[in-house]
Amino acid sequence: MKLKLDITPDLVAAMAAEVKAGEKAVTAAMREAGTGLKTAWRGQITGAGLGRRLANSIRSQTYPKAGESLNAAALVWSKAPVIVGAHDTGPLIRSKEGFWLAIPTEAAGRGLRGGKITPGEWERRRGLRLRFVYRRRRPSLLVADRARINKRGQAVASRSKTGRNQVSAPIFLLVPQVKLPKRLDLDRDTERAHDSLPAMIVANWVDARL
């Protein structure tokens, strides 16, 4: 007795085609998941009122950068990880020197390039010395004496020789620590993206075979 087995289509070719379809499916799913997570994170940031600039710091990249692989992966990250991470975790912030955190009031104005101004920078730019005012149950103050409030609501040096319109203006609030509110929940969107991957791979695998 002689037995003969013919496999049509060729088994090797069929397996190769299936692997190729799998590579396309996994790579496409990872690219889709990475892009979706980037969009979700950016949406959280703008929704929390943290601005488009910080939202645009979220980037994504699929690996391999060229070609397709069953081991494809997606990386989503921020180019401003310290700022984004702080709003995601809500940390307790203390002064590096162990003393006070100086929080500028409206009268302080802005620092160079629009950033928050420091007490040292304020004194150099305004030509006034700041006086420390201790308050037991409320934030202590750094106050500018013999100042005036300009049209922008900022304290500047007064040139009045009679003392007219001169004020002692609180420039900084001094606190030992600040609890930053948690304004983001990046893990929530990350888990959703992770949980959606199996279905996305299957959907892309079916499309690749059609």
N, C-alpha and C. Protein backbone atom coordinates (compact mmCIF):
# COMPACT_ATOMS: atom_id res chain seq x y z
N MET A 1 0.85 -1.18 0.00
CA MET A 1 0.00 0.00 0.00
C MET A 1 0.89 1.23 0.00
N LYS A 2 0.53 2.20 -0.83
CA LYS A 2 1.30 3.44 -0.93
C LYS A 2 0.39 4.62 -0.62
N LEU A 3 0.81 5.45 0.34
CA LEU A 3 0.02 6.63 0.71
C LEU A 3 0.74 7.89 0.23
N LYS A 4 -0.01 8.85 -0.20
CA LYS A 4 0.57 10.11 -0.65
C LYS A 4 -0.29 11.26 -0.11
N LEU A 5 0.41 12.25 0.45
CA LEU A 5 -0.29 13.41 1.03
C LEU A 5 0.14 14.66 0.29
N ASP A 6 -0.81 15.33 -0.28
CA ASP A 6 -0.54 16.60 -0.96
C ASP A 6 -1.19 17.72 -0.14
N ILE A 7 -0.41 18.76 0.15
CA ILE A 7 -0.92 19.93 0.89
C ILE A 7 -1.01 21.09 -0.08
N THR A 8 -2.22 21.55 -0.29
CA THR A 8 -2.44 22.66 -1.22
C THR A 8 -3.29 23.72 -0.49
N PRO A 9 -2.85 24.95 -0.39
CA PRO A 9 -1.58 25.46 -0.94
C PRO A 9 -0.38 25.02 -0.12
N ASP A 10 0.76 25.36 -0.57
CA ASP A 10 1.99 24.95 0.08
C ASP A 10 2.00 25.43 1.53
N LEU A 11 2.29 24.49 2.49
CA LEU A 11 2.25 24.80 3.92
C LEU A 11 3.26 25.86 4.30
N VAL A 12 4.46 25.79 3.77
CA VAL A 12 5.50 26.76 4.11
C VAL A 12 5.09 28.16 3.66
N ALA A 13 4.56 28.24 2.45
CA ALA A 13 4.13 29.55 1.94
C ALA A 13 2.97 30.10 2.77
N ALA A 14 2.05 29.21 3.18
CA ALA A 14 0.91 29.65 3.98
C ALA A 14 1.35 30.18 5.33
N MET A 15 2.31 29.48 5.97
CA MET A 15 2.81 29.94 7.26
C MET A 15 3.55 31.26 7.13
N ALA A 16 4.31 31.39 6.05
CA ALA A 16 5.04 32.64 5.83
C ALA A 16 4.06 33.80 5.65
N ALA A 17 2.99 33.55 4.92
CA ALA A 17 1.98 34.59 4.72
C ALA A 17 1.29 34.96 6.03
N GLU A 18 1.06 33.93 6.88
CA GLU A 18 0.42 34.19 8.17
C GLU A 18 1.32 35.00 9.09
N VAL A 19 2.62 34.69 9.08
CA VAL A 19 3.57 35.46 9.88
C VAL A 19 3.62 36.90 9.40
N LYS A 20 3.63 37.07 8.09
CA LYS A 20 3.66 38.42 7.52
C LYS A 20 2.42 39.20 7.93
N ALA A 21 1.26 38.53 7.88
CA ALA A 21 0.02 39.19 8.31
C ALA A 21 0.09 39.56 9.79
N GLY A 22 0.67 38.68 10.59
CA GLY A 22 0.82 38.96 12.02
C GLY A 22 1.72 40.15 12.27
N GLU A 23 2.83 40.22 11.54
CA GLU A 23 3.74 41.36 11.70
C GLU A 23 3.06 42.67 11.37
N LYS A 24 2.28 42.68 10.29
CA LYS A 24 1.55 43.88 9.92
C LYS A 24 0.52 44.24 10.99
N ALA A 25 -0.18 43.23 11.49
CA ALA A 25 -1.24 43.47 12.46
C ALA A 25 -0.69 44.03 13.77
N VAL A 26 0.37 43.42 14.28
CA VAL A 26 0.94 43.87 15.56
C VAL A 26 1.51 45.27 15.42
N THR A 27 2.24 45.52 14.34
CA THR A 27 2.85 46.84 14.15
C THR A 27 1.78 47.91 13.99
N ALA A 28 0.74 47.62 13.21
CA ALA A 28 -0.35 48.59 13.02
C ALA A 28 -1.08 48.85 14.33
N ALA A 29 -1.32 47.79 15.10
CA ALA A 29 -2.03 47.95 16.38
C ALA A 29 -1.21 48.79 17.36
N MET A 30 0.11 48.57 17.42
CA MET A 30 0.95 49.33 18.33
C MET A 30 1.01 50.79 17.90
N ARG A 31 1.07 51.02 16.61
CA ARG A 31 1.08 52.40 16.12
C ARG A 31 -0.23 53.10 16.47
N GLU A 32 -1.34 52.39 16.28
CA GLU A 32 -2.65 52.96 16.60
C GLU A 32 -2.80 53.22 18.09
N ALA A 33 -2.34 52.28 18.91
CA ALA A 33 -2.44 52.44 20.36
C ALA A 33 -1.57 53.59 20.85
N GLY A 34 -0.35 53.69 20.31
CA GLY A 34 0.55 54.78 20.72
C GLY A 34 -0.01 56.14 20.35
N THR A 35 -0.53 56.25 19.14
CA THR A 35 -1.12 57.52 18.71
C THR A 35 -2.35 57.86 19.53
N GLY A 36 -3.17 56.84 19.82
CA GLY A 36 -4.36 57.08 20.63
C GLY A 36 -4.03 57.52 22.04
N LEU A 37 -2.99 56.91 22.63
CA LEU A 37 -2.59 57.29 23.98
C LEU A 37 -2.01 58.69 24.00
N LYS A 38 -1.24 59.04 22.99
CA LYS A 38 -0.70 60.40 22.90
C LYS A 38 -1.84 61.41 22.84
N THR A 39 -2.84 61.13 22.02
CA THR A 39 -3.98 62.04 21.90
C THR A 39 -4.74 62.15 23.22
N ALA A 40 -4.90 61.02 23.92
CA ALA A 40 -5.62 61.03 25.20
C ALA A 40 -4.87 61.84 26.24
N TRP A 41 -3.56 61.66 26.33
CA TRP A 41 -2.76 62.42 27.29
C TRP A 41 -2.81 63.91 26.99
N ARG A 42 -2.70 64.25 25.72
CA ARG A 42 -2.77 65.66 25.35
C ARG A 42 -4.13 66.25 25.71
N GLY A 43 -5.18 65.46 25.50
CA GLY A 43 -6.51 65.92 25.87
C GLY A 43 -6.66 66.15 27.36
N GLN A 44 -6.07 65.27 28.16
CA GLN A 44 -6.11 65.47 29.62
C GLN A 44 -5.42 66.77 30.02
N ILE A 45 -4.26 67.02 29.42
CA ILE A 45 -3.48 68.21 29.79
C ILE A 45 -4.21 69.49 29.44
N THR A 46 -4.74 69.57 28.22
CA THR A 46 -5.49 70.78 27.85
C THR A 46 -6.78 70.88 28.65
N GLY A 47 -7.42 69.74 28.92
CA GLY A 47 -8.64 69.75 29.71
C GLY A 47 -8.43 70.22 31.13
N ALA A 48 -7.21 70.01 31.65
CA ALA A 48 -6.89 70.45 33.00
C ALA A 48 -6.45 71.91 33.04
N GLY A 49 -6.46 72.56 31.87
CA GLY A 49 -6.08 73.97 31.81
C GLY A 49 -4.59 74.21 31.87
N LEU A 50 -3.79 73.20 31.50
CA LEU A 50 -2.34 73.33 31.59
C LEU A 50 -1.71 73.84 30.30
N GLY A 51 -2.51 74.09 29.28
CA GLY A 51 -2.01 74.75 28.09
C GLY A 51 -1.63 73.82 26.95
N ARG A 52 -1.74 74.34 25.74
CA ARG A 52 -1.41 73.58 24.55
C ARG A 52 0.08 73.28 24.45
N ARG A 53 0.91 74.20 24.93
CA ARG A 53 2.36 73.99 24.83
C ARG A 53 2.79 72.75 25.61
N LEU A 54 2.29 72.60 26.83
CA LEU A 54 2.64 71.42 27.62
C LEU A 54 2.03 70.17 27.00
N ALA A 55 0.82 70.29 26.45
CA ALA A 55 0.19 69.14 25.80
C ALA A 55 1.02 68.65 24.62
N ASN A 56 1.58 69.59 23.88
CA ASN A 56 2.38 69.22 22.71
C ASN A 56 3.73 68.60 23.08
N SER A 57 4.06 68.61 24.37
CA SER A 57 5.30 67.95 24.80
C SER A 57 5.14 66.43 24.79
N ILE A 58 3.89 65.94 24.67
CA ILE A 58 3.64 64.50 24.62
C ILE A 58 3.94 64.00 23.21
N ARG A 59 4.80 63.01 23.10
CA ARG A 59 5.20 62.46 21.81
C ARG A 59 5.02 60.94 21.82
N SER A 60 4.99 60.36 20.62
CA SER A 60 4.89 58.90 20.51
C SER A 60 5.78 58.42 19.38
N GLN A 61 6.25 57.18 19.51
CA GLN A 61 7.09 56.56 18.49
C GLN A 61 6.84 55.06 18.49
N THR A 62 6.69 54.49 17.30
CA THR A 62 6.52 53.05 17.16
C THR A 62 7.83 52.41 16.75
N TYR A 63 8.15 51.27 17.34
CA TYR A 63 9.37 50.53 17.02
C TYR A 63 9.00 49.14 16.50
N PRO A 64 9.69 48.65 15.44
CA PRO A 64 10.80 49.32 14.75
C PRO A 64 10.31 50.55 13.98
N LYS A 65 11.22 51.51 13.80
CA LYS A 65 10.84 52.74 13.09
C LYS A 65 10.52 52.45 11.62
N ALA A 66 11.16 51.43 11.07
CA ALA A 66 10.90 51.04 9.68
C ALA A 66 10.63 49.54 9.65
N GLY A 67 9.71 49.13 8.80
CA GLY A 67 9.39 47.71 8.70
C GLY A 67 8.34 47.30 9.72
N GLU A 68 8.10 45.99 9.79
CA GLU A 68 7.06 45.44 10.66
C GLU A 68 7.61 44.26 11.46
N SER A 69 7.05 44.04 12.63
CA SER A 69 7.57 42.99 13.50
C SER A 69 6.48 42.48 14.43
N LEU A 70 6.58 41.18 14.77
CA LEU A 70 5.69 40.62 15.79
C LEU A 70 6.03 41.16 17.17
N ASN A 71 7.22 41.73 17.32
CA ASN A 71 7.66 42.30 18.60
C ASN A 71 7.58 43.82 18.58
N ALA A 72 6.74 44.38 17.75
CA ALA A 72 6.61 45.83 17.67
C ALA A 72 6.20 46.41 19.03
N ALA A 73 6.61 47.64 19.27
CA ALA A 73 6.29 48.31 20.53
C ALA A 73 6.04 49.79 20.27
N ALA A 74 5.32 50.42 21.17
CA ALA A 74 5.05 51.86 21.07
C ALA A 74 5.51 52.53 22.36
N LEU A 75 6.13 53.68 22.21
CA LEU A 75 6.60 54.46 23.35
C LEU A 75 5.91 55.82 23.32
N VAL A 76 5.30 56.19 24.44
CA VAL A 76 4.67 57.50 24.58
C VAL A 76 5.35 58.20 25.76
N TRP A 77 5.81 59.42 25.56
CA TRP A 77 6.57 60.12 26.59
C TRP A 77 6.34 61.62 26.48
N SER A 78 6.86 62.33 27.46
CA SER A 78 6.77 63.79 27.47
C SER A 78 8.17 64.39 27.41
N LYS A 79 8.30 65.49 26.69
CA LYS A 79 9.56 66.21 26.64
C LYS A 79 9.69 67.14 27.85
N ALA A 80 8.65 67.18 28.68
CA ALA A 80 8.70 67.94 29.94
C ALA A 80 8.25 67.00 31.06
N PRO A 81 9.00 65.92 31.31
CA PRO A 81 8.54 64.88 32.24
C PRO A 81 8.37 65.35 33.68
N VAL A 82 9.19 66.30 34.12
CA VAL A 82 9.09 66.75 35.51
C VAL A 82 7.78 67.48 35.74
N ILE A 83 7.41 68.36 34.80
CA ILE A 83 6.18 69.14 34.96
C ILE A 83 4.96 68.23 34.83
N VAL A 84 4.95 67.40 33.79
CA VAL A 84 3.81 66.51 33.59
C VAL A 84 3.69 65.52 34.75
N GLY A 85 4.83 64.98 35.19
CA GLY A 85 4.83 64.04 36.29
C GLY A 85 4.32 64.65 37.58
N ALA A 86 4.66 65.92 37.81
CA ALA A 86 4.19 66.59 39.03
C ALA A 86 2.67 66.73 39.03
N HIS A 87 2.09 67.09 37.89
CA HIS A 87 0.63 67.22 37.82
C HIS A 87 -0.06 65.86 37.84
N ASP A 88 0.68 64.81 37.50
CA ASP A 88 0.10 63.47 37.50
C ASP A 88 0.11 62.85 38.90
N THR A 89 1.10 63.21 39.72
CA THR A 89 1.23 62.60 41.04
C THR A 89 0.77 63.50 42.18
N GLY A 90 0.76 64.83 41.97
CA GLY A 90 0.39 65.74 43.05
C GLY A 90 1.36 65.69 44.22
N PRO A 91 2.64 65.99 43.99
CA PRO A 91 3.65 65.84 45.04
C PRO A 91 3.60 66.96 46.07
N LEU A 92 4.26 66.72 47.19
CA LEU A 92 4.47 67.73 48.22
C LEU A 92 5.80 68.40 47.92
N ILE A 93 5.78 69.70 47.67
CA ILE A 93 6.98 70.44 47.27
C ILE A 93 7.52 71.22 48.45
N ARG A 94 8.80 71.04 48.72
CA ARG A 94 9.47 71.78 49.79
C ARG A 94 10.65 72.55 49.20
N SER A 95 11.08 73.56 49.91
CA SER A 95 12.23 74.33 49.47
C SER A 95 13.49 73.46 49.50
N LYS A 96 14.34 73.60 48.48
CA LYS A 96 15.59 72.84 48.44
C LYS A 96 16.50 73.19 49.61
N GLU A 97 16.45 74.44 50.04
CA GLU A 97 17.30 74.87 51.15
C GLU A 97 16.70 74.57 52.52
N GLY A 98 15.47 74.10 52.53
CA GLY A 98 14.84 73.74 53.80
C GLY A 98 14.21 74.90 54.53
N PHE A 99 14.02 76.06 53.86
CA PHE A 99 13.43 77.21 54.53
C PHE A 99 12.03 77.49 54.00
N TRP A 100 11.92 78.45 53.08
CA TRP A 100 10.62 78.87 52.59
C TRP A 100 10.51 78.69 51.08
N LEU A 101 9.28 78.50 50.64
CA LEU A 101 8.95 78.61 49.22
C LEU A 101 8.37 80.00 49.00
N ALA A 102 8.93 80.75 48.06
CA ALA A 102 8.46 82.11 47.78
C ALA A 102 7.48 82.07 46.62
N ILE A 103 6.22 82.40 46.90
CA ILE A 103 5.17 82.39 45.89
C ILE A 103 4.86 83.84 45.51
N PRO A 104 5.12 84.24 44.27
CA PRO A 104 4.90 85.65 43.89
C PRO A 104 3.43 86.02 43.87
N THR A 105 3.12 87.23 44.34
CA THR A 105 1.79 87.79 44.24
C THR A 105 1.65 88.50 42.89
N GLU A 106 0.46 89.04 42.61
CA GLU A 106 0.28 89.78 41.36
C GLU A 106 1.19 91.00 41.31
N ALA A 107 1.48 91.58 42.47
CA ALA A 107 2.32 92.78 42.51
C ALA A 107 3.76 92.48 42.13
N ALA A 108 4.15 91.21 42.15
CA ALA A 108 5.54 90.85 41.82
C ALA A 108 5.81 90.95 40.32
N GLY A 109 4.77 90.74 39.50
CA GLY A 109 5.00 90.71 38.06
C GLY A 109 5.60 89.37 37.64
N ARG A 110 6.13 89.34 36.42
CA ARG A 110 6.70 88.12 35.87
C ARG A 110 8.21 88.24 35.76
N GLY A 111 8.86 87.08 35.72
CA GLY A 111 10.30 87.05 35.56
C GLY A 111 10.69 87.12 34.10
N LEU A 112 11.95 86.90 33.82
CA LEU A 112 12.44 86.91 32.45
C LEU A 112 11.76 85.81 31.66
N ARG A 113 11.45 86.10 30.40
CA ARG A 113 10.79 85.16 29.49
C ARG A 113 9.42 84.71 30.00
N GLY A 114 8.82 85.52 30.86
CA GLY A 114 7.48 85.22 31.32
C GLY A 114 7.39 84.21 32.45
N GLY A 115 8.54 83.76 32.96
CA GLY A 115 8.53 82.77 34.03
C GLY A 115 8.26 83.41 35.39
N LYS A 116 8.16 82.56 36.42
CA LYS A 116 7.95 83.08 37.77
C LYS A 116 9.22 83.78 38.26
N ILE A 117 9.02 84.92 38.87
CA ILE A 117 10.14 85.72 39.34
C ILE A 117 10.56 85.28 40.74
N THR A 118 11.84 85.38 41.04
CA THR A 118 12.37 85.03 42.36
C THR A 118 12.59 86.30 43.16
N PRO A 119 12.69 86.20 44.50
CA PRO A 119 12.95 87.40 45.30
C PRO A 119 14.23 88.12 44.90
N GLY A 120 15.30 87.37 44.63
CA GLY A 120 16.56 88.00 44.24
C GLY A 120 16.43 88.76 42.93
N GLU A 121 15.77 88.14 41.95
CA GLU A 121 15.58 88.80 40.65
C GLU A 121 14.70 90.04 40.81
N TRP A 122 13.67 89.94 41.64
CA TRP A 122 12.78 91.08 41.85
C TRP A 122 13.55 92.26 42.43
N GLU A 123 14.37 92.03 43.43
CA GLU A 123 15.14 93.12 44.03
C GLU A 123 16.10 93.75 43.03
N ARG A 124 16.75 92.92 42.21
CA ARG A 124 17.69 93.46 41.22
C ARG A 124 16.97 94.30 40.18
N ARG A 125 15.81 93.87 39.74
CA ARG A 125 15.10 94.57 38.67
C ARG A 125 14.37 95.81 39.18
N ARG A 126 13.87 95.77 40.40
CA ARG A 126 13.10 96.90 40.92
C ARG A 126 13.94 97.90 41.71
N GLY A 127 15.12 97.49 42.16
CA GLY A 127 15.96 98.40 42.94
C GLY A 127 15.44 98.63 44.33
N LEU A 128 14.65 97.72 44.86
CA LEU A 128 14.09 97.82 46.20
C LEU A 128 14.47 96.59 47.01
N ARG A 129 14.61 96.76 48.31
CA ARG A 129 14.87 95.62 49.19
C ARG A 129 13.55 95.10 49.73
N LEU A 130 13.48 93.80 49.91
CA LEU A 130 12.30 93.17 50.46
C LEU A 130 12.44 92.96 51.96
N ARG A 131 11.39 93.24 52.68
CA ARG A 131 11.40 93.12 54.14
C ARG A 131 10.59 91.89 54.55
N PHE A 132 11.16 91.09 55.44
CA PHE A 132 10.50 89.88 55.90
C PHE A 132 9.49 90.22 56.99
N VAL A 133 8.28 89.72 56.84
CA VAL A 133 7.22 89.91 57.82
C VAL A 133 6.72 88.54 58.26
N TYR A 134 6.98 88.19 59.49
CA TYR A 134 6.57 86.88 60.01
C TYR A 134 5.12 86.93 60.46
N ARG A 135 4.34 85.94 60.07
CA ARG A 135 2.95 85.79 60.54
C ARG A 135 2.79 84.37 61.06
N ARG A 136 2.29 84.25 62.27
CA ARG A 136 2.31 82.97 62.97
C ARG A 136 1.40 81.93 62.33
N ARG A 137 0.17 82.26 62.05
CA ARG A 137 -0.79 81.28 61.57
C ARG A 137 -1.17 81.48 60.10
N ARG A 138 -0.50 82.36 59.45
CA ARG A 138 -0.73 82.60 58.02
C ARG A 138 0.62 82.65 57.32
N PRO A 139 0.63 82.57 55.99
CA PRO A 139 1.91 82.65 55.29
C PRO A 139 2.65 83.94 55.61
N SER A 140 3.93 83.84 55.86
CA SER A 140 4.74 85.03 56.07
C SER A 140 4.91 85.76 54.75
N LEU A 141 5.48 86.96 54.81
CA LEU A 141 5.52 87.81 53.62
C LEU A 141 6.92 88.37 53.39
N LEU A 142 7.19 88.69 52.14
CA LEU A 142 8.28 89.58 51.75
C LEU A 142 7.63 90.83 51.19
N VAL A 143 7.86 91.95 51.85
CA VAL A 143 7.16 93.19 51.56
C VAL A 143 8.14 94.23 51.01
N ALA A 144 7.67 95.00 50.02
CA ALA A 144 8.45 96.12 49.49
C ALA A 144 7.89 97.42 50.06
N ASP A 145 8.73 98.17 50.77
CA ASP A 145 8.33 99.47 51.33
C ASP A 145 8.63 100.59 50.32
N ARG A 146 7.92 101.69 50.49
CA ARG A 146 8.12 102.88 49.64
C ARG A 146 7.99 102.51 48.16
N ALA A 147 6.99 101.71 47.87
CA ALA A 147 6.73 101.31 46.49
C ALA A 147 5.42 101.96 46.03
N ARG A 148 5.15 101.87 44.75
CA ARG A 148 3.86 102.29 44.19
C ARG A 148 3.36 101.19 43.26
N ILE A 149 2.07 101.15 43.05
CA ILE A 149 1.47 100.15 42.17
C ILE A 149 1.20 100.81 40.81
N ASN A 150 1.81 100.25 39.76
CA ASN A 150 1.64 100.84 38.43
C ASN A 150 0.32 100.39 37.80
N LYS A 151 0.09 100.78 36.54
CA LYS A 151 -1.18 100.47 35.86
C LYS A 151 -1.37 98.98 35.64
N ARG A 152 -0.29 98.23 35.65
CA ARG A 152 -0.38 96.78 35.46
C ARG A 152 -0.61 96.04 36.77
N GLY A 153 -0.72 96.79 37.85
CA GLY A 153 -0.92 96.16 39.15
C GLY A 153 0.36 95.64 39.77
N GLN A 154 1.51 96.08 39.26
CA GLN A 154 2.81 95.61 39.75
C GLN A 154 3.46 96.67 40.64
N ALA A 155 4.17 96.22 41.66
CA ALA A 155 4.87 97.13 42.56
C ALA A 155 6.20 97.54 41.95
N VAL A 156 6.45 98.85 41.90
CA VAL A 156 7.71 99.39 41.39
C VAL A 156 8.19 100.45 42.37
N ALA A 157 9.44 100.87 42.19
CA ALA A 157 10.01 101.88 43.08
C ALA A 157 9.29 103.21 42.89
N SER A 158 8.94 103.88 43.98
CA SER A 158 8.28 105.17 43.93
C SER A 158 9.33 106.28 43.85
N ARG A 159 9.08 107.25 42.99
CA ARG A 159 10.00 108.40 42.87
C ARG A 159 9.48 109.61 43.62
N SER A 160 8.36 109.43 44.31
CA SER A 160 7.75 110.55 45.02
C SER A 160 8.64 110.97 46.20
N LYS A 161 8.87 112.28 46.31
CA LYS A 161 9.66 112.81 47.43
C LYS A 161 8.78 113.14 48.62
N THR A 162 7.48 113.19 48.39
CA THR A 162 6.55 113.52 49.47
C THR A 162 5.90 112.28 50.08
N GLY A 163 6.10 111.15 49.44
CA GLY A 163 5.50 109.93 49.94
C GLY A 163 4.11 109.67 49.42
N ARG A 164 3.66 110.50 48.46
CA ARG A 164 2.32 110.34 47.92
C ARG A 164 2.20 109.03 47.13
N ASN A 165 1.12 108.33 47.38
CA ASN A 165 0.82 107.06 46.71
C ASN A 165 1.82 105.94 47.03
N GLN A 166 2.67 106.16 48.01
CA GLN A 166 3.59 105.08 48.39
C GLN A 166 2.86 104.04 49.23
N VAL A 167 3.23 102.80 49.03
CA VAL A 167 2.60 101.71 49.77
C VAL A 167 3.67 100.71 50.21
N SER A 168 3.30 99.89 51.17
CA SER A 168 4.10 98.71 51.50
C SER A 168 3.35 97.52 50.91
N ALA A 169 3.91 96.97 49.84
CA ALA A 169 3.20 95.96 49.05
C ALA A 169 3.74 94.57 49.30
N PRO A 170 2.88 93.60 49.61
CA PRO A 170 3.32 92.20 49.70
C PRO A 170 3.72 91.70 48.31
N ILE A 171 4.96 91.26 48.19
CA ILE A 171 5.47 90.81 46.89
C ILE A 171 5.51 89.29 46.81
N PHE A 172 5.84 88.63 47.92
CA PHE A 172 5.90 87.17 47.94
C PHE A 172 5.22 86.64 49.20
N LEU A 173 4.51 85.54 49.04
CA LEU A 173 4.03 84.76 50.17
C LEU A 173 5.07 83.69 50.47
N LEU A 174 5.36 83.47 51.74
CA LEU A 174 6.37 82.48 52.14
C LEU A 174 5.68 81.33 52.87
N VAL A 175 5.84 80.14 52.33
CA VAL A 175 5.25 78.95 52.96
C VAL A 175 6.31 77.87 53.05
N PRO A 176 6.25 76.99 54.06
CA PRO A 176 7.26 75.93 54.19
C PRO A 176 7.13 74.84 53.14
N GLN A 177 5.92 74.64 52.63
CA GLN A 177 5.70 73.59 51.65
C GLN A 177 4.38 73.82 50.93
N VAL A 178 4.25 73.20 49.75
CA VAL A 178 3.03 73.32 48.97
C VAL A 178 2.65 71.94 48.45
N LYS A 179 1.38 71.58 48.60
CA LYS A 179 0.87 70.33 48.05
C LYS A 179 0.26 70.63 46.69
N LEU A 180 0.94 70.17 45.65
CA LEU A 180 0.44 70.39 44.29
C LEU A 180 -0.76 69.49 44.03
N PRO A 181 -1.89 70.05 43.60
CA PRO A 181 -3.07 69.19 43.35
C PRO A 181 -2.82 68.24 42.19
N LYS A 182 -3.36 67.04 42.30
CA LYS A 182 -3.26 66.06 41.22
C LYS A 182 -4.29 66.43 40.16
N ARG A 183 -3.82 66.81 38.98
CA ARG A 183 -4.71 67.28 37.93
C ARG A 183 -4.79 66.32 36.73
N LEU A 184 -3.94 65.30 36.74
CA LEU A 184 -3.93 64.34 35.64
C LEU A 184 -4.04 62.92 36.18
N ASP A 185 -4.51 62.02 35.33
CA ASP A 185 -4.54 60.59 35.65
C ASP A 185 -4.08 59.84 34.40
N LEU A 186 -2.77 59.87 34.14
CA LEU A 186 -2.22 59.28 32.93
C LEU A 186 -2.33 57.76 32.94
N ASP A 187 -2.28 57.15 34.12
CA ASP A 187 -2.39 55.68 34.19
C ASP A 187 -3.73 55.19 33.68
N ARG A 188 -4.76 55.98 33.88
CA ARG A 188 -6.10 55.58 33.43
C ARG A 188 -6.11 55.35 31.91
N ASP A 189 -5.58 56.31 31.16
CA ASP A 189 -5.56 56.17 29.70
C ASP A 189 -4.57 55.10 29.26
N THR A 190 -3.48 54.94 30.01
CA THR A 190 -2.50 53.91 29.68
C THR A 190 -3.12 52.52 29.80
N GLU A 191 -3.88 52.29 30.86
CA GLU A 191 -4.54 50.99 31.05
C GLU A 191 -5.57 50.73 29.96
N ARG A 192 -6.29 51.76 29.56
CA ARG A 192 -7.27 51.59 28.49
C ARG A 192 -6.59 51.21 27.18
N ALA A 193 -5.48 51.87 26.88
CA ALA A 193 -4.75 51.55 25.65
C ALA A 193 -4.22 50.12 25.70
N HIS A 194 -3.72 49.72 26.86
CA HIS A 194 -3.18 48.36 27.02
C HIS A 194 -4.28 47.32 26.86
N ASP A 195 -5.44 47.58 27.47
CA ASP A 195 -6.53 46.61 27.40
C ASP A 195 -7.13 46.49 26.00
N SER A 196 -7.00 47.54 25.20
CA SER A 196 -7.58 47.51 23.86
C SER A 196 -6.68 46.83 22.84
N LEU A 197 -5.43 46.55 23.19
CA LEU A 197 -4.48 46.01 22.22
C LEU A 197 -4.88 44.66 21.62
N PRO A 198 -5.30 43.66 22.41
CA PRO A 198 -5.65 42.37 21.80
C PRO A 198 -6.69 42.50 20.69
N ALA A 199 -7.75 43.25 20.93
CA ALA A 199 -8.79 43.41 19.92
C ALA A 199 -8.26 44.15 18.70
N MET A 200 -7.39 45.12 18.93
CA MET A 200 -6.83 45.87 17.81
C MET A 200 -5.92 44.99 16.96
N ILE A 201 -5.16 44.10 17.60
CA ILE A 201 -4.29 43.19 16.85
C ILE A 201 -5.12 42.24 16.00
N VAL A 202 -6.17 41.69 16.62
CA VAL A 202 -7.04 40.74 15.88
C VAL A 202 -7.69 41.45 14.68
N ALA A 203 -8.19 42.66 14.91
CA ALA A 203 -8.86 43.39 13.83
C ALA A 203 -7.90 43.67 12.68
N ASN A 204 -6.68 44.08 13.02
CA ASN A 204 -5.69 44.37 11.98
C ASN A 204 -5.21 43.08 11.30
N TRP A 205 -5.18 41.99 12.05
CA TRP A 205 -4.73 40.71 11.47
C TRP A 205 -5.75 40.24 10.42
N VAL A 206 -7.04 40.36 10.74
CA VAL A 206 -8.08 39.98 9.78
C VAL A 206 -8.00 40.86 8.53
N ASP A 207 -7.80 42.16 8.73
CA ASP A 207 -7.70 43.06 7.58
C ASP A 207 -6.50 42.73 6.71
N ALA A 208 -5.38 42.32 7.36
CA ALA A 208 -4.17 42.02 6.61
C ALA A 208 -4.33 40.76 5.76
N ARG A 209 -5.21 39.86 6.16
CA ARG A 209 -5.40 38.60 5.43
C ARG A 209 -6.41 38.75 4.29
N LEU A 210 -7.21 39.81 4.37
CA LEU A 210 -8.25 39.99 3.33
C LEU A 210 -7.66 40.57 2.05
